Every structure is written in C-alpha cells, then in structure tokens.
N, C-alpha and C. Protein backbone atom coordinates (compact mmCIF):
# COMPACT_ATOMS: atom_id res chain seq x y z
N MET A 1 3.57 8.39 6.01
CA MET A 1 4.05 7.47 5.13
C MET A 1 4.04 5.83 5.86
N PRO A 2 4.10 4.76 4.93
CA PRO A 2 4.04 3.60 5.17
C PRO A 2 4.83 3.26 6.45
N ARG A 3 3.95 2.57 7.30
CA ARG A 3 3.97 1.67 8.26
C ARG A 3 5.71 0.71 8.36
N SER A 4 5.93 0.14 6.82
CA SER A 4 6.54 -0.93 6.81
C SER A 4 7.79 0.47 7.05
N LEU A 5 7.97 1.63 6.28
CA LEU A 5 9.22 2.25 6.12
C LEU A 5 9.87 2.71 7.31
N CYS A 6 8.98 2.51 8.24
CA CYS A 6 9.28 3.67 9.75
C CYS A 6 8.97 2.83 11.03
N GLU A 7 8.28 1.44 11.06
CA GLU A 7 7.99 0.98 12.07
C GLU A 7 9.63 1.22 12.85
N GLU A 8 10.68 0.61 12.91
CA GLU A 8 11.75 0.48 13.71
C GLU A 8 11.94 2.10 14.15
N HIS A 9 12.00 2.83 13.77
CA HIS A 9 11.98 4.53 13.95
C HIS A 9 11.13 4.52 15.42
N LEU A 10 9.41 3.84 14.94
CA LEU A 10 8.78 3.90 15.78
C LEU A 10 8.69 3.31 17.14
N ALA A 11 9.46 1.76 16.66
CA ALA A 11 9.44 0.76 17.60
C ALA A 11 10.58 1.64 18.75
N ASP A 12 11.74 2.24 18.76
CA ASP A 12 12.25 2.80 19.32
C ASP A 12 12.69 4.21 19.92
N GLY A 13 11.65 4.76 19.56
CA GLY A 13 10.76 6.01 19.71
C GLY A 13 11.27 7.73 19.13
N ARG A 14 12.12 7.09 18.02
CA ARG A 14 12.64 8.21 16.91
C ARG A 14 11.61 8.87 16.65
N LEU A 15 10.40 8.26 16.05
CA LEU A 15 9.16 8.87 16.01
C LEU A 15 7.67 8.54 16.41
N ALA A 16 7.09 9.19 16.73
CA ALA A 16 5.56 9.07 17.20
C ALA A 16 4.77 9.58 16.40
N LEU A 17 3.22 8.74 16.44
CA LEU A 17 2.48 8.55 15.82
C LEU A 17 1.52 9.60 16.27
N LEU A 18 0.90 10.74 15.22
CA LEU A 18 0.14 11.09 15.75
C LEU A 18 -1.37 10.65 15.88
N PRO A 19 -2.07 11.38 16.32
CA PRO A 19 -3.84 11.37 16.20
C PRO A 19 -4.53 11.18 15.31
N GLU A 20 -5.10 9.81 15.04
CA GLU A 20 -6.02 9.62 14.49
C GLU A 20 -7.26 11.21 14.28
N PRO A 21 -6.70 11.43 12.67
CA PRO A 21 -7.81 12.48 12.63
C PRO A 21 -9.36 12.07 12.68
N VAL A 22 -10.67 12.92 12.71
CA VAL A 22 -12.32 12.38 12.61
C VAL A 22 -12.04 11.81 11.21
N GLU A 23 -12.06 12.75 10.25
CA GLU A 23 -12.04 12.47 8.76
C GLU A 23 -10.38 12.04 8.29
N PRO A 24 -10.33 10.84 7.98
CA PRO A 24 -8.61 10.58 7.31
C PRO A 24 -8.56 11.21 6.31
N PRO A 25 -7.27 11.64 5.46
CA PRO A 25 -7.22 11.78 4.26
C PRO A 25 -6.98 10.79 3.32
N LEU A 26 -7.81 10.92 1.81
CA LEU A 26 -8.04 10.25 1.11
C LEU A 26 -6.43 9.88 0.71
N ASN A 27 -6.17 8.75 0.62
CA ASN A 27 -4.81 7.62 0.09
C ASN A 27 -5.28 7.03 -1.08
N THR A 28 -5.51 7.80 -1.83
CA THR A 28 -5.85 6.89 -3.71
C THR A 28 -5.02 6.50 -4.44
N LEU A 29 -5.01 5.35 -4.88
CA LEU A 29 -3.55 4.71 -5.56
C LEU A 29 -4.75 4.29 -6.50
N PHE A 30 -4.35 3.99 -8.01
CA PHE A 30 -4.18 3.35 -9.01
C PHE A 30 -3.18 2.52 -9.78
N LEU A 31 -3.50 1.37 -10.05
CA LEU A 31 -2.89 0.24 -10.93
C LEU A 31 -3.64 -0.24 -12.09
N VAL A 32 -2.52 0.38 -12.72
CA VAL A 32 -2.58 0.45 -14.40
C VAL A 32 -2.32 -0.96 -15.31
N GLN A 33 -2.57 -0.95 -16.13
CA GLN A 33 -1.46 -2.11 -16.66
C GLN A 33 -2.00 -2.10 -18.48
N ARG A 34 -0.83 -2.60 -18.88
CA ARG A 34 -1.03 -1.85 -20.53
C ARG A 34 -2.24 -3.21 -21.15
N PRO A 35 -2.72 -2.29 -22.36
CA PRO A 35 -4.41 -3.62 -22.94
C PRO A 35 -3.75 -5.04 -23.08
N GLY A 36 -3.65 -6.24 -23.21
CA GLY A 36 -3.64 -7.79 -23.64
C GLY A 36 -2.45 -8.09 -22.83
N ALA A 37 -2.39 -7.12 -20.96
CA ALA A 37 -1.08 -8.04 -19.94
C ALA A 37 -1.95 -9.18 -19.36
N ASP A 38 -3.62 -9.50 -19.87
CA ASP A 38 -4.27 -10.16 -18.94
C ASP A 38 -3.68 -11.42 -19.32
N ALA A 39 -2.74 -11.88 -20.58
CA ALA A 39 -2.53 -12.69 -21.17
C ALA A 39 -1.31 -12.66 -20.52
N ASP A 40 -0.71 -12.59 -20.10
CA ASP A 40 0.56 -13.23 -18.90
C ASP A 40 0.37 -13.64 -17.67
N PRO A 41 0.77 -14.69 -17.47
CA PRO A 41 0.59 -15.15 -16.32
C PRO A 41 1.02 -14.23 -15.00
N ASP A 42 2.12 -13.90 -15.55
CA ASP A 42 3.12 -13.40 -14.47
C ASP A 42 2.24 -11.69 -14.27
N VAL A 43 1.59 -11.35 -15.11
CA VAL A 43 1.09 -10.16 -14.68
C VAL A 43 0.10 -10.22 -13.55
N VAL A 44 -1.14 -11.01 -14.65
CA VAL A 44 -1.68 -11.33 -13.44
C VAL A 44 -1.79 -12.03 -12.11
N ARG A 45 -0.65 -12.80 -11.92
CA ARG A 45 -0.56 -13.08 -10.29
C ARG A 45 0.19 -12.01 -9.58
N VAL A 46 1.21 -10.94 -10.18
CA VAL A 46 1.33 -9.65 -9.42
C VAL A 46 0.22 -8.57 -9.33
N ARG A 47 -0.17 -8.63 -10.37
CA ARG A 47 -1.75 -7.48 -10.32
C ARG A 47 -2.63 -8.21 -8.53
N ASP A 48 -3.41 -9.59 -9.10
CA ASP A 48 -3.65 -10.01 -7.70
C ASP A 48 -3.08 -9.86 -6.46
N ARG A 49 -1.71 -10.16 -6.19
CA ARG A 49 -1.42 -9.54 -5.28
C ARG A 49 -1.37 -8.79 -4.47
N LEU A 50 -0.77 -7.48 -5.69
CA LEU A 50 -0.38 -6.15 -5.40
C LEU A 50 -2.56 -5.68 -4.71
N GLN A 51 -3.11 -6.38 -5.00
CA GLN A 51 -4.87 -5.75 -4.93
C GLN A 51 -5.22 -6.52 -3.85
N HIS A 52 -4.68 -7.76 -3.71
CA HIS A 52 -4.73 -8.21 -1.92
C HIS A 52 -3.96 -7.81 -0.60
N ALA A 53 -3.09 -7.05 -1.28
CA ALA A 53 -1.91 -6.44 -0.45
C ALA A 53 -2.62 -5.12 0.09
N ALA A 54 -3.35 -4.64 -0.89
CA ALA A 54 -3.49 -2.86 -1.03
C ALA A 54 -4.89 -2.97 0.30
N ARG A 55 -5.19 -4.37 0.26
CA ARG A 55 -6.94 -4.39 1.55
C ARG A 55 -6.38 -3.40 2.49
N THR A 56 -4.99 -4.18 3.28
CA THR A 56 -4.59 -3.53 4.46
C THR A 56 -3.39 -2.16 4.71
N TRP A 57 -3.87 -1.73 3.60
CA TRP A 57 -2.57 -0.57 3.46
C TRP A 57 -3.47 0.67 3.89
C-alpha cells in the first residue's frame, strides 16, 4: 500500500511496518497514452510529472 494512504495510521500506531524482505516484490506499473498524444502539451506535462514522481515510489 502506498505510504501516502496509510501515513496517518502508521504515525499513530494503528498500523505497523513489516520487516523488509530480502528480495522485495516487483511492483511494475505501465504508463500508456493514445497515439498522437505527444502533440498535446498537457499530456506531455502530466506524463513527465508521473515519470518523475514514480522514481520515488
């Protein structure tokens, strides 16, 4: 679960982090867009921000 969805529960003790596994599970995400969407600067801006943010997920 993304930390952003459970941060409050972790902070007040309602949830606890499990130990990190030796080999973490894969969390593969795919970002797709319609052909030709690169022509829309708003689509490009959202795609670039998602790709940048995903580096810290």
